[in-house]
PDB file of N, CA and C in Angstrom:
ATOM      1  N   UNK A   1       5.388  20.918 -11.832  1.00  0.00           N
ATOM      2  CA  UNK A   1       5.936  20.537 -10.547  1.00  0.00           C
ATOM      3  C   UNK A   1       5.547  19.093 -10.231  1.00  0.00           C
ATOM      4  N   UNK A   2       6.503  18.275  -9.899  1.00  0.00           N
ATOM      5  CA  UNK A   2       6.248  16.895  -9.535  1.00  0.00           C
ATOM      6  C   UNK A   2       5.837  16.827  -8.070  1.00  0.00           C
ATOM      7  N   UNK A   3       4.913  15.917  -7.789  1.00  0.00           N
ATOM      8  CA  UNK A   3       4.481  15.724  -6.423  1.00  0.00           C
ATOM      9  C   UNK A   3       5.583  15.065  -5.597  1.00  0.00           C
ATOM     10  N   UNK A   4       6.293  14.123  -6.185  1.00  0.00           N
ATOM     11  CA  UNK A   4       7.358  13.409  -5.488  1.00  0.00           C
ATOM     12  C   UNK A   4       8.650  13.566  -6.272  1.00  0.00           C
ATOM     13  N   UNK A   5       9.675  14.041  -5.625  1.00  0.00           N
ATOM     14  CA  UNK A   5      10.990  14.167  -6.251  1.00  0.00           C
ATOM     15  C   UNK A   5      11.824  12.953  -5.870  1.00  0.00           C
ATOM     16  N   UNK A   6      12.084  12.091  -6.793  1.00  0.00           N
ATOM     17  CA  UNK A   6      12.806  10.854  -6.544  1.00  0.00           C
ATOM     18  C   UNK A   6      14.295  11.062  -6.757  1.00  0.00           C
ATOM     19  N   UNK A   7      15.097  10.492  -5.877  1.00  0.00           N
ATOM     20  CA  UNK A   7      16.550  10.517  -5.998  1.00  0.00           C
ATOM     21  C   UNK A   7      16.939   9.472  -7.048  1.00  0.00           C
ATOM     22  N   UNK A   8      17.349   9.914  -8.222  1.00  0.00           N
ATOM     23  CA  UNK A   8      17.632   9.019  -9.350  1.00  0.00           C
ATOM     24  C   UNK A   8      18.739   8.015  -9.029  1.00  0.00           C
ATOM     25  N   UNK A   9      19.771   8.451  -8.353  1.00  0.00           N
ATOM     26  CA  UNK A   9      20.876   7.540  -8.006  1.00  0.00           C
ATOM     27  C   UNK A   9      20.399   6.459  -7.047  1.00  0.00           C
ATOM     28  N   UNK A  10      19.629   6.857  -6.080  1.00  0.00           N
ATOM     29  CA  UNK A  10      19.100   5.896  -5.118  1.00  0.00           C
ATOM     30  C   UNK A  10      18.170   4.911  -5.802  1.00  0.00           C
ATOM     31  N   UNK A  11      17.352   5.383  -6.695  1.00  0.00           N
ATOM     32  CA  UNK A  11      16.418   4.509  -7.419  1.00  0.00           C
ATOM     33  C   UNK A  11      17.158   3.452  -8.224  1.00  0.00           C
ATOM     34  N   UNK A  12      18.305   3.807  -8.803  1.00  0.00           N
ATOM     35  CA  UNK A  12      19.098   2.848  -9.577  1.00  0.00           C
ATOM     36  C   UNK A  12      19.644   1.724  -8.695  1.00  0.00           C
ATOM     37  N   UNK A  13      19.883   2.018  -7.410  1.00  0.00           N
ATOM     38  CA  UNK A  13      20.439   1.020  -6.492  1.00  0.00           C
ATOM     39  C   UNK A  13      19.406  -0.025  -6.072  1.00  0.00           C
ATOM     40  N   UNK A  14      18.140   0.301  -6.202  1.00  0.00           N
ATOM     41  CA  UNK A  14      17.077  -0.637  -5.823  1.00  0.00           C
ATOM     42  C   UNK A  14      16.802  -1.532  -7.019  1.00  0.00           C
ATOM     43  N   UNK A  15      17.251  -2.771  -6.916  1.00  0.00           N
ATOM     44  CA  UNK A  15      17.161  -3.676  -8.066  1.00  0.00           C
ATOM     45  C   UNK A  15      16.092  -4.750  -7.869  1.00  0.00           C
ATOM     46  N   UNK A  16      14.971  -4.356  -7.298  1.00  0.00           N
ATOM     47  CA  UNK A  16      13.840  -5.255  -7.132  1.00  0.00           C
ATOM     48  C   UNK A  16      12.559  -4.457  -7.331  1.00  0.00           C
ATOM     49  N   UNK A  17      11.436  -5.153  -7.389  1.00  0.00           N
ATOM     50  CA  UNK A  17      10.152  -4.511  -7.617  1.00  0.00           C
ATOM     51  C   UNK A  17       9.677  -3.888  -6.304  1.00  0.00           C
ATOM     52  N   UNK A  18       9.877  -2.611  -6.169  1.00  0.00           N
ATOM     53  CA  UNK A  18       9.574  -1.895  -4.932  1.00  0.00           C
ATOM     54  C   UNK A  18       8.090  -1.960  -4.565  1.00  0.00           C
ATOM     55  N   UNK A  19       7.163  -1.718  -5.495  1.00  0.00           N
ATOM     56  CA  UNK A  19       5.745  -1.835  -5.123  1.00  0.00           C
ATOM     57  C   UNK A  19       5.367  -3.244  -4.647  1.00  0.00           C
ATOM     58  N   UNK A  20       5.844  -4.255  -5.355  1.00  0.00           N
ATOM     59  CA  UNK A  20       5.534  -5.633  -4.973  1.00  0.00           C
ATOM     60  C   UNK A  20       6.104  -5.951  -3.587  1.00  0.00           C
ATOM     61  N   UNK A  21       7.314  -5.538  -3.319  1.00  0.00           N
ATOM     62  CA  UNK A  21       7.932  -5.798  -2.027  1.00  0.00           C
ATOM     63  C   UNK A  21       7.193  -5.056  -0.911  1.00  0.00           C
ATOM     64  N   UNK A  22       6.699  -3.882  -1.205  1.00  0.00           N
ATOM     65  CA  UNK A  22       5.945  -3.119  -0.209  1.00  0.00           C
ATOM     66  C   UNK A  22       4.635  -3.830   0.129  1.00  0.00           C
ATOM     67  N   UNK A  23       3.980  -4.393  -0.865  1.00  0.00           N
ATOM     68  CA  UNK A  23       2.749  -5.151  -0.619  1.00  0.00           C
ATOM     69  C   UNK A  23       3.038  -6.380   0.240  1.00  0.00           C
ATOM     70  N   UNK A  24       4.123  -7.072  -0.053  1.00  0.00           N
ATOM     71  CA  UNK A  24       4.509  -8.230   0.761  1.00  0.00           C
ATOM     72  C   UNK A  24       4.757  -7.775   2.199  1.00  0.00           C
ATOM     73  N   UNK A  25       5.428  -6.653   2.362  1.00  0.00           N
ATOM     74  CA  UNK A  25       5.675  -6.098   3.696  1.00  0.00           C
ATOM     75  C   UNK A  25       4.356  -5.821   4.425  1.00  0.00           C
ATOM     76  N   UNK A  26       3.412  -5.187   3.738  1.00  0.00           N
ATOM     77  CA  UNK A  26       2.134  -4.835   4.353  1.00  0.00           C
ATOM     78  C   UNK A  26       1.402  -6.072   4.869  1.00  0.00           C
ATOM     79  N   UNK A  27       1.485  -7.132   4.147  1.00  0.00           N
ATOM     80  CA  UNK A  27       0.761  -8.353   4.514  1.00  0.00           C
ATOM     81  C   UNK A  27       1.512  -9.209   5.536  1.00  0.00           C
ATOM     82  N   UNK A  28       2.815  -9.057   5.608  1.00  0.00           N
ATOM     83  CA  UNK A  28       3.618  -9.945   6.448  1.00  0.00           C
ATOM     84  C   UNK A  28       4.245  -9.299   7.675  1.00  0.00           C
ATOM     85  N   UNK A  29       4.248  -8.005   7.774  1.00  0.00           N
ATOM     86  CA  UNK A  29       4.762  -7.332   8.968  1.00  0.00           C
ATOM     87  C   UNK A  29       3.653  -7.397  10.017  1.00  0.00           C
ATOM     88  N   UNK A  30       3.826  -8.189  11.080  1.00  0.00           N
ATOM     89  CA  UNK A  30       2.714  -8.448  12.010  1.00  0.00           C
ATOM     90  C   UNK A  30       2.035  -7.203  12.583  1.00  0.00           C
ATOM     91  N   UNK A  31       2.778  -6.248  13.053  1.00  0.00           N
ATOM     92  CA  UNK A  31       2.153  -5.071  13.661  1.00  0.00           C
ATOM     93  C   UNK A  31       1.457  -4.207  12.616  1.00  0.00           C
ATOM     94  N   UNK A  32       2.049  -4.053  11.454  1.00  0.00           N
ATOM     95  CA  UNK A  32       1.400  -3.268  10.412  1.00  0.00           C
ATOM     96  C   UNK A  32       0.107  -3.950   9.981  1.00  0.00           C
ATOM     97  N   UNK A  33       0.168  -5.239   9.801  1.00  0.00           N
ATOM     98  CA  UNK A  33      -1.014  -5.981   9.375  1.00  0.00           C
ATOM     99  C   UNK A  33      -2.148  -5.816  10.388  1.00  0.00           C
ATOM    100  N   UNK A  34      -1.816  -5.999  11.679  1.00  0.00           N
ATOM    101  CA  UNK A  34      -2.846  -5.915  12.718  1.00  0.00           C
ATOM    102  C   UNK A  34      -3.423  -4.524  12.890  1.00  0.00           C
ATOM    103  N   UNK A  35      -2.566  -3.523  12.860  1.00  0.00           N
ATOM    104  CA  UNK A  35      -3.006  -2.160  13.158  1.00  0.00           C
ATOM    105  C   UNK A  35      -3.548  -1.406  11.950  1.00  0.00           C
ATOM    106  N   UNK A  36      -3.079  -1.720  10.761  1.00  0.00           N
ATOM    107  CA  UNK A  36      -3.443  -0.949   9.573  1.00  0.00           C
ATOM    108  C   UNK A  36      -4.169  -1.775   8.514  1.00  0.00           C
ATOM    109  N   UNK A  37      -3.510  -2.815   8.049  1.00  0.00           N
ATOM    110  CA  UNK A  37      -3.997  -3.551   6.889  1.00  0.00           C
ATOM    111  C   UNK A  37      -5.342  -4.233   7.138  1.00  0.00           C
ATOM    112  N   UNK A  38      -5.392  -5.092   8.139  1.00  0.00           N
ATOM    113  CA  UNK A  38      -6.613  -5.848   8.407  1.00  0.00           C
ATOM    114  C   UNK A  38      -7.813  -4.942   8.691  1.00  0.00           C
ATOM    115  N   UNK A  39      -7.674  -3.915   9.529  1.00  0.00           N
ATOM    116  CA  UNK A  39      -8.838  -3.034   9.751  1.00  0.00           C
ATOM    117  C   UNK A  39      -9.352  -2.366   8.476  1.00  0.00           C
ATOM    118  N   UNK A  40      -8.455  -1.961   7.597  1.00  0.00           N
ATOM    119  CA  UNK A  40      -8.889  -1.332   6.339  1.00  0.00           C
ATOM    120  C   UNK A  40      -9.588  -2.356   5.447  1.00  0.00           C
ATOM    121  N   UNK A  41      -9.048  -3.557   5.390  1.00  0.00           N
ATOM    122  CA  UNK A  41      -9.674  -4.583   4.553  1.00  0.00           C
ATOM    123  C   UNK A  41     -11.046  -4.972   5.090  1.00  0.00           C
ATOM    124  N   UNK A  42     -11.211  -5.020   6.404  1.00  0.00           N
ATOM    125  CA  UNK A  42     -12.527  -5.345   6.951  1.00  0.00           C
ATOM    126  C   UNK A  42     -13.525  -4.219   6.662  1.00  0.00           C
ATOM    127  N   UNK A  43     -13.082  -2.973   6.690  1.00  0.00           N
ATOM    128  CA  UNK A  43     -13.964  -1.854   6.318  1.00  0.00           C
ATOM    129  C   UNK A  43     -14.379  -1.962   4.855  1.00  0.00           C
ATOM    130  N   UNK A  44     -13.420  -2.290   4.009  1.00  0.00           N
ATOM    131  CA  UNK A  44     -13.719  -2.422   2.587  1.00  0.00           C
ATOM    132  C   UNK A  44     -14.679  -3.592   2.359  1.00  0.00           C
ATOM    133  N   UNK A  45     -14.466  -4.699   3.058  1.00  0.00           N
ATOM    134  CA  UNK A  45     -15.337  -5.866   2.913  1.00  0.00           C
ATOM    135  C   UNK A  45     -16.751  -5.545   3.400  1.00  0.00           C
ATOM    136  N   UNK A  46     -16.852  -4.854   4.512  1.00  0.00           N
ATOM    137  CA  UNK A  46     -18.172  -4.490   5.043  1.00  0.00           C
ATOM    138  C   UNK A  46     -18.916  -3.581   4.061  1.00  0.00           C
ATOM    139  N   UNK A  47     -18.226  -2.596   3.519  1.00  0.00           N
ATOM    140  CA  UNK A  47     -18.855  -1.693   2.546  1.00  0.00           C
ATOM    141  C   UNK A  47     -19.297  -2.474   1.311  1.00  0.00           C
ATOM    142  N   UNK A  48     -18.488  -3.419   0.887  1.00  0.00           N
ATOM    143  CA  UNK A  48     -18.837  -4.232  -0.285  1.00  0.00           C
ATOM    144  C   UNK A  48     -20.050  -5.125   0.004  1.00  0.00           C
ATOM    145  N   UNK A  49     -20.043  -5.796   1.161  1.00  0.00           N
ATOM    146  CA  UNK A  49     -21.131  -6.715   1.518  1.00  0.00           C
ATOM    147  C   UNK A  49     -22.466  -5.996   1.693  1.00  0.00           C
ATOM    148  N   UNK A  50     -22.432  -4.799   2.240  1.00  0.00           N
ATOM    149  CA  UNK A  50     -23.671  -4.069   2.515  1.00  0.00           C
ATOM    150  C   UNK A  50     -24.077  -3.176   1.348  1.00  0.00           C
ATOM    151  N   UNK A  51     -23.329  -3.279   0.254  1.00  0.00           N
ATOM    152  CA  UNK A  51     -23.586  -2.472  -0.941  1.00  0.00           C
ATOM    153  C   UNK A  51     -23.545  -0.976  -0.670  1.00  0.00           C
ATOM    154  N   UNK A  52     -22.780  -0.587   0.338  1.00  0.00           N
ATOM    155  CA  UNK A  52     -22.571   0.837   0.589  1.00  0.00           C
ATOM    156  C   UNK A  52     -21.536   1.315  -0.418  1.00  0.00           C
ATOM    157  N   UNK A  53     -21.797   2.445  -0.989  1.00  0.00           N
ATOM    158  CA  UNK A  53     -20.810   2.993  -1.907  1.00  0.00           C
ATOM    159  C   UNK A  53     -19.567   3.407  -1.132  1.00  0.00           C
ATOM    160  N   UNK A  54     -18.418   3.146  -1.690  1.00  0.00           N
ATOM    161  CA  UNK A  54     -17.178   3.569  -1.047  1.00  0.00           C
ATOM    162  C   UNK A  54     -16.150   3.898  -2.109  1.00  0.00           C
ATOM    163  N   UNK A  55     -15.252   4.769  -1.735  1.00  0.00           N
ATOM    164  CA  UNK A  55     -14.170   5.174  -2.622  1.00  0.00           C
ATOM    165  C   UNK A  55     -12.931   4.378  -2.216  1.00  0.00           C
ATOM    166  N   UNK A  56     -12.562   3.360  -2.992  1.00  0.00           N
ATOM    167  CA  UNK A  56     -11.426   2.527  -2.605  1.00  0.00           C
ATOM    168  C   UNK A  56     -10.132   3.323  -2.441  1.00  0.00           C
ATOM    169  N   UNK A  57      -9.951   4.333  -3.269  1.00  0.00           N
ATOM    170  CA  UNK A  57      -8.727   5.137  -3.168  1.00  0.00           C
ATOM    171  C   UNK A  57      -8.685   5.885  -1.832  1.00  0.00           C
ATOM    172  N   UNK A  58      -9.807   6.456  -1.436  1.00  0.00           N
ATOM    173  CA  UNK A  58      -9.865   7.190  -0.167  1.00  0.00           C
ATOM    174  C   UNK A  58      -9.657   6.251   1.019  1.00  0.00           C
ATOM    175  N   UNK A  59     -10.072   5.029   0.878  1.00  0.00           N
ATOM    176  CA  UNK A  59      -9.915   4.052   1.943  1.00  0.00           C
ATOM    177  C   UNK A  59      -8.494   3.481   1.998  1.00  0.00           C
ATOM    178  N   UNK A  60      -7.932   3.159   0.841  1.00  0.00           N
ATOM    179  CA  UNK A  60      -6.645   2.467   0.796  1.00  0.00           C
ATOM    180  C   UNK A  60      -5.419   3.380   0.827  1.00  0.00           C
ATOM    181  N   UNK A  61      -5.498   4.548   0.207  1.00  0.00           N
ATOM    182  CA  UNK A  61      -4.283   5.375   0.091  1.00  0.00           C
ATOM    183  C   UNK A  61      -3.686   5.817   1.433  1.00  0.00           C
ATOM    184  N   UNK A  62      -4.482   6.184   2.434  1.00  0.00           N
ATOM    185  CA  UNK A  62      -3.848   6.518   3.717  1.00  0.00           C
ATOM    186  C   UNK A  62      -3.056   5.341   4.287  1.00  0.00           C
ATOM    187  N   UNK A  63      -3.596   4.131   4.166  1.00  0.00           N
ATOM    188  CA  UNK A  63      -2.884   2.951   4.638  1.00  0.00           C
ATOM    189  C   UNK A  63      -1.630   2.708   3.801  1.00  0.00           C
ATOM    190  N   UNK A  64      -1.737   2.870   2.500  1.00  0.00           N
ATOM    191  CA  UNK A  64      -0.580   2.680   1.620  1.00  0.00           C
ATOM    192  C   UNK A  64       0.515   3.679   1.962  1.00  0.00           C
ATOM    193  N   UNK A  65       0.152   4.914   2.202  1.00  0.00           N
ATOM    194  CA  UNK A  65       1.155   5.922   2.570  1.00  0.00           C
ATOM    195  C   UNK A  65       1.816   5.591   3.905  1.00  0.00           C
ATOM    196  N   UNK A  66       1.053   5.078   4.865  1.00  0.00           N
ATOM    197  CA  UNK A  66       1.645   4.640   6.138  1.00  0.00           C
ATOM    198  C   UNK A  66       2.594   3.470   5.905  1.00  0.00           C
ATOM    199  N   UNK A  67       2.198   2.562   5.021  1.00  0.00           N
ATOM    200  CA  UNK A  67       3.050   1.410   4.718  1.00  0.00           C
ATOM    201  C   UNK A  67       4.366   1.858   4.092  1.00  0.00           C
ATOM    202  N   UNK A  68       4.291   2.812   3.196  1.00  0.00           N
ATOM    203  CA  UNK A  68       5.493   3.324   2.548  1.00  0.00           C
ATOM    204  C   UNK A  68       6.436   3.948   3.576  1.00  0.00           C
ATOM    205  N   UNK A  69       5.876   4.718   4.489  1.00  0.00           N
ATOM    206  CA  UNK A  69       6.693   5.334   5.547  1.00  0.00           C
ATOM    207  C   UNK A  69       7.314   4.259   6.439  1.00  0.00           C
ATOM    208  N   UNK A  70       6.505   3.289   6.821  1.00  0.00           N
ATOM    209  CA  UNK A  70       6.982   2.219   7.691  1.00  0.00           C
ATOM    210  C   UNK A  70       8.056   1.381   7.001  1.00  0.00           C
ATOM    211  N   UNK A  71       7.802   1.013   5.764  1.00  0.00           N
ATOM    212  CA  UNK A  71       8.740   0.219   4.970  1.00  0.00           C
ATOM    213  C   UNK A  71      10.058   0.976   4.798  1.00  0.00           C
ATOM    214  N   UNK A  72       9.954   2.241   4.429  1.00  0.00           N
ATOM    215  CA  UNK A  72      11.161   3.055   4.219  1.00  0.00           C
ATOM    216  C   UNK A  72      11.978   3.170   5.495  1.00  0.00           C
ATOM    217  N   UNK A  73      11.284   3.346   6.614  1.00  0.00           N
ATOM    218  CA  UNK A  73      11.983   3.450   7.893  1.00  0.00           C
ATOM    219  C   UNK A  73      12.630   2.146   8.313  1.00  0.00           C
ATOM    220  N   UNK A  74      11.922   1.067   8.155  1.00  0.00           N
ATOM    221  CA  UNK A  74      12.455  -0.238   8.572  1.00  0.00           C
ATOM    222  C   UNK A  74      13.686  -0.620   7.767  1.00  0.00           C
ATOM    223  N   UNK A  75      13.639  -0.393   6.463  1.00  0.00           N
ATOM    224  CA  UNK A  75      14.739  -0.808   5.605  1.00  0.00           C
ATOM    225  C   UNK A  75      15.721   0.320   5.299  1.00  0.00           C
ATOM    226  N   UNK A  76      15.505   1.468   5.908  1.00  0.00           N
ATOM    227  CA  UNK A  76      16.408   2.617   5.793  1.00  0.00           C
ATOM    228  C   UNK A  76      16.807   2.900   4.343  1.00  0.00           C
ATOM    229  N   UNK A  77      15.780   3.011   3.502  1.00  0.00           N
ATOM    230  CA  UNK A  77      16.025   3.244   2.082  1.00  0.00           C
ATOM    231  C   UNK A  77      16.538   4.650   1.813  1.00  0.00           C
ATOM    232  N   UNK A  78      15.984   5.623   2.520  1.00  0.00           N
ATOM    233  CA  UNK A  78      16.336   7.023   2.297  1.00  0.00           C
ATOM    234  C   UNK A  78      15.817   7.839   3.477  1.00  0.00           C
ATOM    235  N   UNK A  79      16.356   9.018   3.658  1.00  0.00           N
ATOM    236  CA  UNK A  79      15.854   9.866   4.751  1.00  0.00           C
ATOM    237  C   UNK A  79      14.355  10.174   4.613  1.00  0.00           C
ATOM    238  N   UNK A  80      13.890  10.305   3.388  1.00  0.00           N
ATOM    239  CA  UNK A  80      12.485  10.582   3.128  1.00  0.00           C
ATOM    240  C   UNK A  80      11.958   9.542   2.141  1.00  0.00           C
ATOM    241  N   UNK A  81      10.778   9.009   2.407  1.00  0.00           N
ATOM    242  CA  UNK A  81      10.226   7.988   1.508  1.00  0.00           C
ATOM    243  C   UNK A  81      10.006   8.528   0.099  1.00  0.00           C
ATOM    244  N   UNK A  82       9.750   9.841  -0.009  1.00  0.00           N
ATOM    245  CA  UNK A  82       9.540  10.436  -1.331  1.00  0.00           C
ATOM    246  C   UNK A  82      10.810  10.449  -2.177  1.00  0.00           C
ATOM    247  N   UNK A  83      11.953  10.176  -1.548  1.00  0.00           N
ATOM    248  CA  UNK A  83      13.202  10.065  -2.303  1.00  0.00           C
ATOM    249  C   UNK A  83      13.238   8.773  -3.118  1.00  0.00           C
ATOM    250  N   UNK A  84      12.406   7.809  -2.746  1.00  0.00           N
ATOM    251  CA  UNK A  84      12.423   6.496  -3.374  1.00  0.00           C
ATOM    252  C   UNK A  84      11.101   6.176  -4.079  1.00  0.00           C
ATOM    253  N   UNK A  85       9.995   6.435  -3.419  1.00  0.00           N
ATOM    254  CA  UNK A  85       8.674   6.073  -3.936  1.00  0.00           C
ATOM    255  C   UNK A  85       8.091   7.193  -4.788  1.00  0.00           C
ATOM    256  N   UNK A  86       7.805   6.866  -6.030  1.00  0.00           N
ATOM    257  CA  UNK A  86       7.194   7.832  -6.938  1.00  0.00           C
ATOM    258  C   UNK A  86       5.668   7.747  -6.833  1.00  0.00           C
ATOM    259  N   UNK A  87       5.012   8.665  -7.480  1.00  0.00           N
ATOM    260  CA  UNK A  87       3.556   8.614  -7.560  1.00  0.00           C
ATOM    261  C   UNK A  87       3.132   7.352  -8.310  1.00  0.00           C
ATOM    262  N   UNK A  88       3.915   6.965  -9.312  1.00  0.00           N
ATOM    263  CA  UNK A  88       3.618   5.744 -10.056  1.00  0.00           C
ATOM    264  C   UNK A  88       3.717   4.507  -9.158  1.00  0.00           C
ATOM    265  N   UNK A  89       4.711   4.480  -8.274  1.00  0.00           N
ATOM    266  CA  UNK A  89       4.824   3.368  -7.321  1.00  0.00           C
ATOM    267  C   UNK A  89       3.556   3.280  -6.473  1.00  0.00           C
ATOM    268  N   UNK A  90       3.132   4.419  -5.966  1.00  0.00           N
ATOM    269  CA  UNK A  90       1.945   4.455  -5.101  1.00  0.00           C
ATOM    270  C   UNK A  90       0.713   3.968  -5.856  1.00  0.00           C
ATOM    271  N   UNK A  91       0.574   4.411  -7.088  1.00  0.00           N
ATOM    272  CA  UNK A  91      -0.570   3.977  -7.893  1.00  0.00           C
ATOM    273  C   UNK A  91      -0.505   2.488  -8.213  1.00  0.00           C
ATOM    274  N   UNK A  92       0.688   1.992  -8.466  1.00  0.00           N
ATOM    275  CA  UNK A  92       0.857   0.568  -8.746  1.00  0.00           C
ATOM    276  C   UNK A  92       0.491  -0.265  -7.517  1.00  0.00           C
ATOM    277  N   UNK A  93       0.913   0.182  -6.346  1.00  0.00           N
ATOM    278  CA  UNK A  93       0.553  -0.516  -5.108  1.00  0.00           C
ATOM    279  C   UNK A  93      -0.965  -0.522  -4.948  1.00  0.00           C
ATOM    280  N   UNK A  94      -1.584   0.639  -5.124  1.00  0.00           N
ATOM    281  CA  UNK A  94      -3.043   0.726  -5.000  1.00  0.00           C
ATOM    282  C   UNK A  94      -3.729  -0.215  -5.986  1.00  0.00           C
ATOM    283  N   UNK A  95      -3.367  -0.149  -7.253  1.00  0.00           N
ATOM    284  CA  UNK A  95      -4.027  -0.946  -8.285  1.00  0.00           C
ATOM    285  C   UNK A  95      -3.928  -2.445  -7.986  1.00  0.00           C
ATOM    286  N   UNK A  96      -2.744  -2.900  -7.670  1.00  0.00           N
ATOM    287  CA  UNK A  96      -2.539  -4.321  -7.412  1.00  0.00           C
ATOM    288  C   UNK A  96      -3.264  -4.759  -6.144  1.00  0.00           C
ATOM    289  N   UNK A  97      -3.129  -3.975  -5.098  1.00  0.00           N
ATOM    290  CA  UNK A  97      -3.758  -4.308  -3.826  1.00  0.00           C
ATOM    291  C   UNK A  97      -5.281  -4.354  -3.958  1.00  0.00           C
ATOM    292  N   UNK A  98      -5.844  -3.349  -4.584  1.00  0.00           N
ATOM    293  CA  UNK A  98      -7.296  -3.319  -4.731  1.00  0.00           C
ATOM    294  C   UNK A  98      -7.784  -4.499  -5.567  1.00  0.00           C
ATOM    295  N   UNK A  99      -7.128  -4.746  -6.671  1.00  0.00           N
ATOM    296  CA  UNK A  99      -7.537  -5.840  -7.550  1.00  0.00           C
ATOM    297  C   UNK A  99      -7.500  -7.187  -6.813  1.00  0.00           C
ATOM    298  N   UNK A 100      -6.420  -7.436  -6.094  1.00  0.00           N
ATOM    299  CA  UNK A 100      -6.289  -8.709  -5.388  1.00  0.00           C
ATOM    300  C   UNK A 100      -7.268  -8.823  -4.222  1.00  0.00           C
ATOM    301  N   UNK A 101      -7.383  -7.767  -3.449  1.00  0.00           N
ATOM    302  CA  UNK A 101      -8.211  -7.854  -2.247  1.00  0.00           C
ATOM    303  C   UNK A 101      -9.705  -7.824  -2.542  1.00  0.00           C
ATOM    304  N   UNK A 102     -10.137  -7.084  -3.532  1.00  0.00           N
ATOM    305  CA  UNK A 102     -11.570  -7.088  -3.840  1.00  0.00           C
ATOM    306  C   UNK A 102     -11.989  -8.465  -4.330  1.00  0.00           C
ATOM    307  N   UNK A 103     -11.106  -9.155  -5.012  1.00  0.00           N
ATOM    308  CA  UNK A 103     -11.398 -10.526  -5.440  1.00  0.00           C
ATOM    309  C   UNK A 103     -11.530 -11.441  -4.223  1.00  0.00           C
ATOM    310  N   UNK A 104     -10.661 -11.289  -3.246  1.00  0.00           N
ATOM    311  CA  UNK A 104     -10.734 -12.087  -2.018  1.00  0.00           C
ATOM    312  C   UNK A 104     -12.006 -11.763  -1.237  1.00  0.00           C
ATOM    313  N   UNK A 105     -12.374 -10.500  -1.201  1.00  0.00           N
ATOM    314  CA  UNK A 105     -13.600 -10.080  -0.515  1.00  0.00           C
ATOM    315  C   UNK A 105     -14.807 -10.711  -1.182  1.00  0.00           C
ATOM    316  N   UNK A 106     -14.819 -10.748  -2.487  1.00  0.00           N
ATOM    317  CA  UNK A 106     -15.931 -11.389  -3.221  1.00  0.00           C
ATOM    318  C   UNK A 106     -16.044 -12.875  -2.897  1.00  0.00           C
ATOM    319  N   UNK A 107     -14.911 -13.483  -2.550  1.00  0.00           N
ATOM    320  CA  UNK A 107     -14.887 -14.905  -2.171  1.00  0.00           C
ATOM    321  C   UNK A 107     -15.251 -15.115  -0.697  1.00  0.00           C
ATOM    322  N   UNK A 108     -15.447 -14.009   0.050  1.00  0.00           N
ATOM    323  CA  UNK A 108     -15.871 -14.144   1.451  1.00  0.00           C
ATOM    324  C   UNK A 108     -14.810 -13.846   2.492  1.00  0.00           C
ATOM    325  N   UNK A 109     -13.665 -13.369   2.095  1.00  0.00           N
ATOM    326  CA  UNK A 109     -12.616 -13.043   3.071  1.00  0.00           C
ATOM    327  C   UNK A 109     -12.987 -11.810   3.882  1.00  0.00           C
ATOM    328  N   UNK A 110     -12.339 -11.651   5.026  1.00  0.00           N
ATOM    329  CA  UNK A 110     -12.481 -10.492   5.921  1.00  0.00           C
ATOM    330  C   UNK A 110     -13.894 -10.364   6.488  1.00  0.00           C
ATOM    331  N   UNK A 111     -14.458 -11.481   6.892  1.00  0.00           N
ATOM    332  CA  UNK A 111     -15.802 -11.438   7.473  1.00  0.00           C
ATOM    333  C   UNK A 111     -15.735 -11.301   8.964  1.00  0.00           C
TER     334      UNK A 111
END
């Protein structure tokens, strides 16, 4: 049983990098950034700075799922975000976001 059932026809119509575009949306949509993205990144930065152990997936995935819902609704991709976003998309968003942001945190961002 698949966790996400993707609409194959709809997926063919999307001719751009969906995970990359979702990350751009997360960083550039003002309300999403203020209410979701920035608070999560500051929590991650604080945990990193204080050497508190944290599970990046547990911290980031709820925000990523909210972003997917918000993105899907704004751009009216499908009635349900799971019609478009696969588990692989979600993992790709997580991997790229974590890699980029942890590097920025190491440089002193989100203080």
